[in-house]
N, C-alpha and C. Protein backbone atom coordinates (compact mmCIF):
# COMPACT_ATOMS: atom_id res chain seq x y z
N MET A 1 -42.08 -19.34 -4.36
CA MET A 1 -41.12 -19.79 -3.39
C MET A 1 -41.69 -19.55 -2.00
N SER A 2 -41.59 -20.54 -1.16
CA SER A 2 -42.15 -20.40 0.19
C SER A 2 -41.10 -19.83 1.13
N ASN A 3 -41.56 -19.48 2.31
CA ASN A 3 -40.66 -18.93 3.32
C ASN A 3 -39.64 -19.97 3.77
N ASP A 4 -40.04 -21.25 3.79
CA ASP A 4 -39.11 -22.30 4.20
C ASP A 4 -37.94 -22.40 3.22
N GLU A 5 -38.25 -22.29 1.92
CA GLU A 5 -37.18 -22.38 0.91
C GLU A 5 -36.24 -21.19 1.02
N ASN A 6 -36.80 -20.00 1.27
CA ASN A 6 -35.96 -18.81 1.44
C ASN A 6 -35.06 -18.95 2.65
N SER A 7 -35.57 -19.47 3.74
CA SER A 7 -34.76 -19.61 4.95
C SER A 7 -33.68 -20.67 4.75
N ASN A 8 -33.97 -21.73 3.95
CA ASN A 8 -32.95 -22.75 3.67
C ASN A 8 -31.81 -22.14 2.84
N GLU A 9 -32.16 -21.31 1.85
CA GLU A 9 -31.13 -20.67 1.04
C GLU A 9 -30.29 -19.72 1.87
N THR A 10 -30.93 -18.99 2.77
CA THR A 10 -30.21 -18.08 3.65
C THR A 10 -29.28 -18.85 4.56
N THR A 11 -29.72 -19.98 5.07
CA THR A 11 -28.89 -20.80 5.94
C THR A 11 -27.69 -21.35 5.17
N GLU A 12 -27.91 -21.78 3.93
CA GLU A 12 -26.81 -22.32 3.12
C GLU A 12 -25.78 -21.25 2.80
N SER A 13 -26.25 -20.04 2.45
CA SER A 13 -25.30 -18.97 2.14
C SER A 13 -24.58 -18.53 3.41
N GLY A 14 -25.24 -18.58 4.54
CA GLY A 14 -24.59 -18.25 5.82
C GLY A 14 -23.52 -19.26 6.16
N LYS A 15 -23.78 -20.55 5.85
CA LYS A 15 -22.78 -21.59 6.11
C LYS A 15 -21.57 -21.40 5.20
N LYS A 16 -21.81 -21.04 3.94
CA LYS A 16 -20.70 -20.81 3.01
C LYS A 16 -19.85 -19.64 3.47
N ALA A 17 -20.49 -18.57 3.94
CA ALA A 17 -19.75 -17.41 4.43
C ALA A 17 -18.94 -17.77 5.67
N GLU A 18 -19.52 -18.60 6.52
CA GLU A 18 -18.81 -19.02 7.73
C GLU A 18 -17.60 -19.88 7.39
N VAL A 19 -17.75 -20.76 6.42
CA VAL A 19 -16.63 -21.61 5.99
C VAL A 19 -15.52 -20.74 5.40
N ALA A 20 -15.88 -19.74 4.59
CA ALA A 20 -14.89 -18.85 3.99
C ALA A 20 -14.16 -18.04 5.05
N SER A 21 -14.90 -17.52 6.03
CA SER A 21 -14.24 -16.74 7.08
C SER A 21 -13.35 -17.61 7.94
N ASN A 22 -13.73 -18.88 8.16
CA ASN A 22 -12.89 -19.81 8.91
C ASN A 22 -11.60 -20.11 8.15
N ALA A 23 -11.70 -20.23 6.82
CA ALA A 23 -10.51 -20.50 6.01
C ALA A 23 -9.55 -19.32 6.07
N VAL A 24 -10.08 -18.10 5.98
CA VAL A 24 -9.23 -16.91 6.06
C VAL A 24 -8.57 -16.82 7.43
N ALA A 25 -9.33 -17.07 8.47
CA ALA A 25 -8.77 -17.02 9.82
C ALA A 25 -7.69 -18.08 10.00
N ASN A 26 -7.88 -19.25 9.40
CA ASN A 26 -6.89 -20.33 9.49
C ASN A 26 -5.59 -19.93 8.80
N VAL A 27 -5.68 -19.32 7.60
CA VAL A 27 -4.50 -18.89 6.87
C VAL A 27 -3.76 -17.80 7.64
N VAL A 28 -4.49 -16.85 8.20
CA VAL A 28 -3.87 -15.77 8.97
C VAL A 28 -3.17 -16.33 10.20
N SER A 29 -3.81 -17.25 10.89
CA SER A 29 -3.18 -17.82 12.10
C SER A 29 -1.93 -18.60 11.75
N LYS A 30 -1.94 -19.34 10.62
CA LYS A 30 -0.73 -20.07 10.20
C LYS A 30 0.39 -19.10 9.83
N ALA A 31 0.05 -17.98 9.15
CA ALA A 31 1.06 -16.99 8.77
C ALA A 31 1.67 -16.35 10.02
N LEU A 32 0.84 -16.02 10.98
CA LEU A 32 1.36 -15.43 12.22
C LEU A 32 2.18 -16.45 13.01
N GLY A 33 1.77 -17.72 12.97
CA GLY A 33 2.55 -18.78 13.61
C GLY A 33 3.91 -18.93 12.95
N LEU A 34 3.96 -18.82 11.61
CA LEU A 34 5.23 -18.90 10.89
C LEU A 34 6.11 -17.70 11.24
N LYS A 35 5.49 -16.55 11.43
CA LYS A 35 6.25 -15.36 11.81
C LYS A 35 6.93 -15.57 13.15
N GLU A 36 6.24 -16.21 14.08
CA GLU A 36 6.80 -16.46 15.42
C GLU A 36 7.84 -17.58 15.40
N SER A 37 7.55 -18.63 14.65
CA SER A 37 8.44 -19.80 14.69
C SER A 37 9.65 -19.65 13.76
N ASN A 38 9.47 -19.04 12.58
CA ASN A 38 10.57 -18.92 11.62
C ASN A 38 10.44 -17.58 10.88
N PRO A 39 10.90 -16.49 11.51
CA PRO A 39 10.70 -15.17 10.91
C PRO A 39 11.46 -14.98 9.60
N LYS A 40 12.57 -15.67 9.41
CA LYS A 40 13.33 -15.52 8.15
C LYS A 40 12.50 -15.99 6.96
N VAL A 41 11.83 -17.11 7.11
CA VAL A 41 11.00 -17.64 6.04
C VAL A 41 9.80 -16.71 5.81
N PHE A 42 9.21 -16.23 6.88
CA PHE A 42 8.05 -15.36 6.78
C PHE A 42 8.38 -14.09 6.00
N PHE A 43 9.43 -13.38 6.42
CA PHE A 43 9.78 -12.13 5.75
C PHE A 43 10.38 -12.38 4.37
N GLY A 44 11.02 -13.52 4.18
CA GLY A 44 11.52 -13.88 2.85
C GLY A 44 10.37 -14.08 1.88
N ALA A 45 9.29 -14.70 2.34
CA ALA A 45 8.11 -14.90 1.49
C ALA A 45 7.47 -13.57 1.12
N ILE A 46 7.40 -12.66 2.08
CA ILE A 46 6.85 -11.33 1.80
C ILE A 46 7.73 -10.62 0.78
N GLY A 47 9.05 -10.69 0.95
CA GLY A 47 9.97 -10.08 0.01
C GLY A 47 9.83 -10.66 -1.38
N ALA A 48 9.64 -11.99 -1.48
CA ALA A 48 9.49 -12.63 -2.78
C ALA A 48 8.22 -12.15 -3.48
N VAL A 49 7.15 -12.01 -2.74
CA VAL A 49 5.90 -11.52 -3.32
C VAL A 49 6.08 -10.09 -3.83
N VAL A 50 6.76 -9.26 -3.05
CA VAL A 50 6.99 -7.87 -3.47
C VAL A 50 7.85 -7.83 -4.73
N VAL A 51 8.88 -8.67 -4.82
CA VAL A 51 9.75 -8.70 -6.01
C VAL A 51 8.95 -9.14 -7.23
N VAL A 52 8.11 -10.15 -7.09
CA VAL A 52 7.29 -10.61 -8.21
C VAL A 52 6.35 -9.50 -8.68
N ILE A 53 5.75 -8.78 -7.77
CA ILE A 53 4.86 -7.68 -8.13
C ILE A 53 5.63 -6.58 -8.85
N LEU A 54 6.81 -6.22 -8.34
CA LEU A 54 7.61 -5.18 -8.98
C LEU A 54 8.04 -5.59 -10.38
N ILE A 55 8.46 -6.83 -10.56
CA ILE A 55 8.88 -7.30 -11.89
C ILE A 55 7.70 -7.26 -12.85
N SER A 56 6.54 -7.67 -12.40
CA SER A 56 5.37 -7.65 -13.29
C SER A 56 4.96 -6.23 -13.65
N MET A 57 5.13 -5.29 -12.72
CA MET A 57 4.78 -3.90 -13.01
C MET A 57 5.78 -3.27 -13.98
N MET A 58 7.05 -3.61 -13.84
CA MET A 58 8.08 -2.99 -14.67
C MET A 58 8.22 -3.63 -16.04
N SER A 59 7.75 -4.84 -16.20
CA SER A 59 7.94 -5.54 -17.46
C SER A 59 7.06 -4.99 -18.58
N GLY A 60 6.02 -4.30 -18.25
CA GLY A 60 5.13 -3.75 -19.27
C GLY A 60 4.24 -4.83 -19.84
N GLY A 61 3.49 -4.45 -20.83
CA GLY A 61 2.58 -5.40 -21.44
C GLY A 61 3.21 -6.09 -22.62
N GLY A 62 2.71 -7.24 -22.92
CA GLY A 62 3.18 -7.95 -24.09
C GLY A 62 2.24 -7.69 -25.25
N GLY A 63 2.57 -8.24 -26.36
CA GLY A 63 1.70 -8.12 -27.51
C GLY A 63 2.05 -6.94 -28.38
N PRO A 64 1.21 -6.67 -29.35
CA PRO A 64 1.51 -5.59 -30.30
C PRO A 64 1.50 -4.23 -29.61
N GLU A 65 2.39 -3.39 -30.07
CA GLU A 65 2.48 -2.06 -29.49
C GLU A 65 1.33 -1.20 -29.98
N LYS A 66 0.69 -0.55 -29.05
CA LYS A 66 -0.37 0.39 -29.39
C LYS A 66 0.05 1.73 -28.83
N SER A 67 0.24 2.68 -29.67
CA SER A 67 0.64 3.99 -29.20
C SER A 67 -0.49 4.97 -29.44
N MET A 68 -0.38 6.08 -28.75
CA MET A 68 -1.38 7.12 -28.92
C MET A 68 -1.21 7.74 -30.30
N ALA A 69 -2.30 8.21 -30.83
CA ALA A 69 -2.23 8.88 -32.13
C ALA A 69 -1.34 10.12 -31.99
N LYS A 70 -0.45 10.29 -32.92
CA LYS A 70 0.47 11.41 -32.84
C LYS A 70 0.03 12.49 -33.82
N THR A 71 0.31 13.72 -33.43
CA THR A 71 -0.01 14.84 -34.27
C THR A 71 0.99 14.89 -35.42
N LYS A 72 0.49 15.04 -36.62
CA LYS A 72 1.37 15.13 -37.78
C LYS A 72 1.99 16.52 -37.80
N ILE A 73 3.32 16.56 -37.81
CA ILE A 73 4.03 17.83 -37.81
C ILE A 73 4.57 18.10 -39.21
N LEU A 74 4.26 19.26 -39.73
CA LEU A 74 4.71 19.65 -41.06
C LEU A 74 6.18 20.02 -41.05
N ASP A 75 6.80 19.96 -42.19
CA ASP A 75 8.14 20.47 -42.36
C ASP A 75 7.99 21.96 -42.64
N VAL A 76 8.03 22.75 -41.59
CA VAL A 76 7.75 24.18 -41.68
C VAL A 76 8.99 24.92 -42.16
N SER A 77 8.78 25.87 -43.08
CA SER A 77 9.89 26.67 -43.57
C SER A 77 9.61 28.15 -43.35
N ILE A 78 10.68 28.89 -43.12
CA ILE A 78 10.56 30.33 -42.90
C ILE A 78 10.08 30.98 -44.19
N GLY A 79 9.10 31.85 -44.06
CA GLY A 79 8.53 32.53 -45.22
C GLY A 79 7.33 31.80 -45.81
N GLY A 80 7.08 30.58 -45.35
CA GLY A 80 5.95 29.81 -45.84
C GLY A 80 4.63 30.31 -45.29
N THR A 81 3.57 30.08 -46.07
CA THR A 81 2.22 30.48 -45.65
C THR A 81 1.46 29.23 -45.21
N TYR A 82 0.83 29.31 -44.05
CA TYR A 82 0.12 28.18 -43.46
C TYR A 82 -1.20 28.65 -42.89
N GLU A 83 -1.99 27.69 -42.42
CA GLU A 83 -3.22 27.98 -41.70
C GLU A 83 -3.06 27.47 -40.28
N LEU A 84 -3.68 28.16 -39.34
CA LEU A 84 -3.65 27.69 -37.96
C LEU A 84 -4.58 26.50 -37.80
N ASP A 85 -4.16 25.57 -36.96
CA ASP A 85 -4.93 24.36 -36.70
C ASP A 85 -4.78 24.05 -35.22
N ALA A 86 -5.79 23.46 -34.62
CA ALA A 86 -5.75 23.08 -33.21
C ALA A 86 -5.96 21.57 -33.11
N PRO A 87 -4.93 20.76 -33.41
CA PRO A 87 -5.11 19.32 -33.48
C PRO A 87 -5.36 18.64 -32.14
N LYS A 88 -5.05 19.29 -31.04
CA LYS A 88 -5.19 18.65 -29.73
C LYS A 88 -6.48 19.02 -29.03
N THR A 89 -7.46 19.46 -29.78
CA THR A 89 -8.73 19.89 -29.18
C THR A 89 -9.87 18.94 -29.43
N SER A 90 -9.60 17.74 -29.92
CA SER A 90 -10.62 16.72 -30.16
C SER A 90 -11.73 17.21 -31.09
N ALA A 91 -11.34 17.88 -32.16
CA ALA A 91 -12.27 18.32 -33.21
C ALA A 91 -13.34 19.27 -32.69
N ASP A 92 -12.99 20.14 -31.78
CA ASP A 92 -13.91 21.16 -31.29
C ASP A 92 -14.07 22.23 -32.37
N PRO A 93 -15.28 22.47 -32.84
CA PRO A 93 -15.46 23.44 -33.93
C PRO A 93 -15.15 24.87 -33.51
N ASP A 94 -15.20 25.17 -32.22
CA ASP A 94 -14.92 26.52 -31.72
C ASP A 94 -13.51 26.64 -31.16
N ALA A 95 -12.62 25.72 -31.51
CA ALA A 95 -11.28 25.72 -30.96
C ALA A 95 -10.49 26.95 -31.39
N LEU A 96 -9.72 27.47 -30.46
CA LEU A 96 -8.88 28.62 -30.73
C LEU A 96 -7.42 28.22 -30.53
N VAL A 97 -6.54 28.82 -31.31
CA VAL A 97 -5.11 28.58 -31.17
C VAL A 97 -4.53 29.73 -30.36
N ARG A 98 -3.81 29.39 -29.31
CA ARG A 98 -3.25 30.38 -28.40
C ARG A 98 -1.90 30.84 -28.90
N LEU A 99 -1.71 32.14 -28.98
CA LEU A 99 -0.42 32.72 -29.35
C LEU A 99 0.21 33.34 -28.11
N VAL A 100 1.53 33.28 -28.04
CA VAL A 100 2.24 33.87 -26.92
C VAL A 100 3.23 34.90 -27.46
N ALA A 101 3.68 35.79 -26.59
CA ALA A 101 4.57 36.86 -27.00
C ALA A 101 6.03 36.40 -27.08
N VAL A 102 6.39 35.39 -26.28
CA VAL A 102 7.78 34.93 -26.20
C VAL A 102 7.80 33.42 -26.39
N PRO A 103 8.70 32.88 -27.20
CA PRO A 103 8.73 31.43 -27.39
C PRO A 103 9.08 30.70 -26.09
N GLY A 104 8.37 29.61 -25.84
CA GLY A 104 8.63 28.80 -24.65
C GLY A 104 7.89 29.24 -23.42
N SER A 105 7.09 30.27 -23.48
CA SER A 105 6.40 30.75 -22.28
C SER A 105 5.13 29.93 -22.08
N MET A 106 5.18 29.00 -21.15
CA MET A 106 4.04 28.14 -20.86
C MET A 106 3.06 28.79 -19.90
N ALA A 107 3.53 29.70 -19.05
CA ALA A 107 2.64 30.35 -18.09
C ALA A 107 1.55 31.12 -18.80
N ALA A 108 1.80 31.53 -20.02
CA ALA A 108 0.81 32.29 -20.76
C ALA A 108 -0.41 31.44 -21.10
N PHE A 109 -0.28 30.12 -21.04
CA PHE A 109 -1.41 29.25 -21.35
C PHE A 109 -2.35 29.11 -20.16
N ASP A 110 -1.96 29.60 -19.02
CA ASP A 110 -2.75 29.43 -17.81
C ASP A 110 -3.65 30.63 -17.60
N ASP A 111 -4.58 30.84 -18.51
CA ASP A 111 -5.51 31.94 -18.35
C ASP A 111 -6.93 31.41 -18.35
N THR A 112 -7.73 31.98 -17.52
CA THR A 112 -9.12 31.56 -17.45
C THR A 112 -10.07 32.73 -17.67
N ASP A 113 -9.51 33.91 -17.89
CA ASP A 113 -10.33 35.10 -18.06
C ASP A 113 -10.91 35.13 -19.46
N LYS A 114 -12.24 35.17 -19.58
CA LYS A 114 -12.90 35.16 -20.89
C LYS A 114 -12.56 36.39 -21.71
N LYS A 115 -12.45 37.56 -21.08
CA LYS A 115 -12.19 38.76 -21.87
C LYS A 115 -10.79 38.71 -22.49
N ASP A 116 -9.86 37.99 -21.85
CA ASP A 116 -8.53 37.83 -22.42
C ASP A 116 -8.59 37.03 -23.71
N ARG A 117 -9.53 36.11 -23.81
CA ARG A 117 -9.65 35.29 -25.01
C ARG A 117 -10.17 36.11 -26.19
N MET A 118 -10.78 37.21 -25.94
CA MET A 118 -11.41 37.96 -27.02
C MET A 118 -10.52 39.09 -27.55
N GLY A 119 -9.53 39.53 -26.83
CA GLY A 119 -8.78 40.69 -27.26
C GLY A 119 -7.31 40.43 -27.52
N ASP A 120 -6.66 41.46 -28.05
CA ASP A 120 -5.21 41.47 -28.28
C ASP A 120 -4.72 40.39 -29.22
N CYS A 121 -5.55 39.81 -30.00
CA CYS A 121 -5.17 38.80 -31.01
C CYS A 121 -4.36 37.66 -30.39
N LYS A 122 -4.70 37.23 -29.19
CA LYS A 122 -3.98 36.13 -28.52
C LYS A 122 -4.59 34.77 -28.84
N HIS A 123 -5.85 34.75 -29.17
CA HIS A 123 -6.54 33.51 -29.49
C HIS A 123 -7.16 33.66 -30.87
N LEU A 124 -6.71 32.81 -31.79
CA LEU A 124 -7.20 32.90 -33.17
C LEU A 124 -7.91 31.63 -33.56
N PRO A 125 -8.94 31.74 -34.40
CA PRO A 125 -9.68 30.55 -34.82
C PRO A 125 -8.86 29.72 -35.81
N GLU A 126 -9.22 28.45 -35.90
CA GLU A 126 -8.58 27.58 -36.88
C GLU A 126 -8.83 28.13 -38.28
N GLY A 127 -7.87 27.91 -39.17
CA GLY A 127 -8.02 28.34 -40.55
C GLY A 127 -7.47 29.73 -40.82
N THR A 128 -7.03 30.46 -39.79
CA THR A 128 -6.46 31.79 -39.99
C THR A 128 -5.16 31.66 -40.78
N LYS A 129 -5.02 32.44 -41.85
CA LYS A 129 -3.81 32.41 -42.69
C LYS A 129 -2.68 33.15 -41.98
N VAL A 130 -1.50 32.49 -41.93
CA VAL A 130 -0.34 33.07 -41.27
C VAL A 130 0.91 32.83 -42.10
N LYS A 131 1.93 33.63 -41.83
CA LYS A 131 3.23 33.49 -42.48
C LYS A 131 4.27 33.27 -41.40
N VAL A 132 5.16 32.28 -41.60
CA VAL A 132 6.20 31.97 -40.61
C VAL A 132 7.37 32.93 -40.80
N LEU A 133 7.74 33.62 -39.71
CA LEU A 133 8.84 34.57 -39.77
C LEU A 133 10.16 33.95 -39.28
N GLN A 134 10.09 33.13 -38.23
CA GLN A 134 11.27 32.45 -37.72
C GLN A 134 10.87 31.24 -36.88
N LEU A 135 11.83 30.35 -36.67
CA LEU A 135 11.61 29.13 -35.88
C LEU A 135 12.57 29.12 -34.71
N GLN A 136 12.12 28.53 -33.60
CA GLN A 136 13.00 28.38 -32.44
C GLN A 136 12.66 27.09 -31.72
N ARG A 137 13.70 26.33 -31.36
CA ARG A 137 13.51 25.09 -30.62
C ARG A 137 13.31 25.42 -29.14
N VAL A 138 12.27 24.83 -28.56
CA VAL A 138 11.98 25.00 -27.14
C VAL A 138 11.77 23.63 -26.52
N PHE A 139 12.06 23.51 -25.24
CA PHE A 139 11.83 22.27 -24.50
C PHE A 139 12.54 21.08 -25.13
N GLN A 140 13.69 21.24 -25.69
CA GLN A 140 14.59 20.23 -26.25
C GLN A 140 14.06 19.52 -27.48
N SER A 141 12.78 19.33 -27.62
CA SER A 141 12.30 18.54 -28.76
C SER A 141 11.16 19.19 -29.53
N THR A 142 10.74 20.33 -29.12
CA THR A 142 9.60 20.98 -29.75
C THR A 142 10.04 22.30 -30.37
N GLN A 143 9.40 22.68 -31.45
CA GLN A 143 9.71 23.97 -32.06
C GLN A 143 8.50 24.88 -32.00
N GLN A 144 8.80 26.15 -31.86
CA GLN A 144 7.76 27.16 -31.99
C GLN A 144 8.11 28.05 -33.16
N ALA A 145 7.08 28.61 -33.76
CA ALA A 145 7.27 29.49 -34.91
C ALA A 145 6.71 30.87 -34.58
N GLU A 146 7.47 31.90 -34.98
CA GLU A 146 6.93 33.24 -34.89
C GLU A 146 6.13 33.45 -36.17
N ILE A 147 4.88 33.86 -36.00
CA ILE A 147 4.01 33.99 -37.16
C ILE A 147 3.46 35.41 -37.25
N GLU A 148 3.07 35.75 -38.45
CA GLU A 148 2.41 37.03 -38.71
C GLU A 148 1.07 36.71 -39.36
N MET A 149 0.01 37.31 -38.83
CA MET A 149 -1.31 37.08 -39.38
C MET A 149 -1.44 37.82 -40.71
N LEU A 150 -2.02 37.14 -41.69
CA LEU A 150 -2.14 37.70 -43.03
C LEU A 150 -3.53 38.21 -43.36
N ALA A 151 -4.51 37.94 -42.52
CA ALA A 151 -5.89 38.35 -42.82
C ALA A 151 -6.64 38.64 -41.53
N GLY A 152 -7.77 39.28 -41.68
CA GLY A 152 -8.65 39.52 -40.55
C GLY A 152 -8.29 40.76 -39.76
N ALA A 153 -8.92 40.91 -38.60
CA ALA A 153 -8.71 42.08 -37.75
C ALA A 153 -7.30 42.14 -37.18
N CYS A 154 -6.64 41.01 -37.13
CA CYS A 154 -5.30 40.94 -36.55
C CYS A 154 -4.20 40.98 -37.62
N LYS A 155 -4.52 41.38 -38.81
CA LYS A 155 -3.54 41.40 -39.91
C LYS A 155 -2.33 42.23 -39.50
N GLY A 156 -1.14 41.63 -39.70
CA GLY A 156 0.10 42.31 -39.37
C GLY A 156 0.59 42.05 -37.96
N GLN A 157 -0.27 41.51 -37.09
CA GLN A 157 0.13 41.20 -35.71
C GLN A 157 1.04 39.98 -35.72
N LYS A 158 1.94 39.89 -34.73
CA LYS A 158 2.88 38.78 -34.63
C LYS A 158 2.68 38.06 -33.30
N GLY A 159 3.03 36.78 -33.30
CA GLY A 159 2.98 35.97 -32.08
C GLY A 159 3.69 34.66 -32.32
N TRP A 160 3.81 33.87 -31.26
CA TRP A 160 4.50 32.57 -31.33
C TRP A 160 3.50 31.46 -31.06
N THR A 161 3.64 30.35 -31.78
CA THR A 161 2.82 29.17 -31.56
C THR A 161 3.66 27.93 -31.84
N PHE A 162 3.23 26.80 -31.34
CA PHE A 162 3.91 25.54 -31.62
C PHE A 162 3.70 25.17 -33.08
N ILE A 163 4.70 24.53 -33.69
CA ILE A 163 4.58 24.22 -35.12
C ILE A 163 3.51 23.18 -35.42
N TYR A 164 3.12 22.38 -34.41
CA TYR A 164 2.05 21.44 -34.68
C TYR A 164 0.70 22.13 -34.82
N ASN A 165 0.66 23.44 -34.54
CA ASN A 165 -0.57 24.22 -34.75
C ASN A 165 -0.65 24.80 -36.16
N LEU A 166 0.27 24.38 -37.03
CA LEU A 166 0.27 24.86 -38.42
C LEU A 166 -0.07 23.72 -39.36
N ARG A 167 -0.84 24.02 -40.39
CA ARG A 167 -1.12 23.01 -41.41
C ARG A 167 -1.00 23.64 -42.79
């Protein structure tokens, strides 16, 4: 390709850009002219565009419903023996299940201290055998279970966990 051909292409693309900018300037000047000459129509058009956008946002999507995968919740019974599971950890092999001292206490989940994860039987690995002592509904639609560990260094210790952490 020669320099003349490159300069011709540059000139053509410059002309296209100039035509596009002239068209935008023309539309803007007409809209501002409409605002001055007939403000009711101008603001009515803006309102109509806003209403159309709101309706499209609120209507949702069409087509088949696709929902997020839901955690399977067992029918947990008091006195039953289960294993701890961490279904919301994306199959992390080192996932730990967090136990709390009081049902419904969410602030207890906000810990970042590594030494806290290792002591006091607050974080247990998946597969730990537990026995359900009692159930309590928290947050209107979720249940937590008081559990007792049946094996390991934490045998006999008690804590609360969400029932979806049991399998």
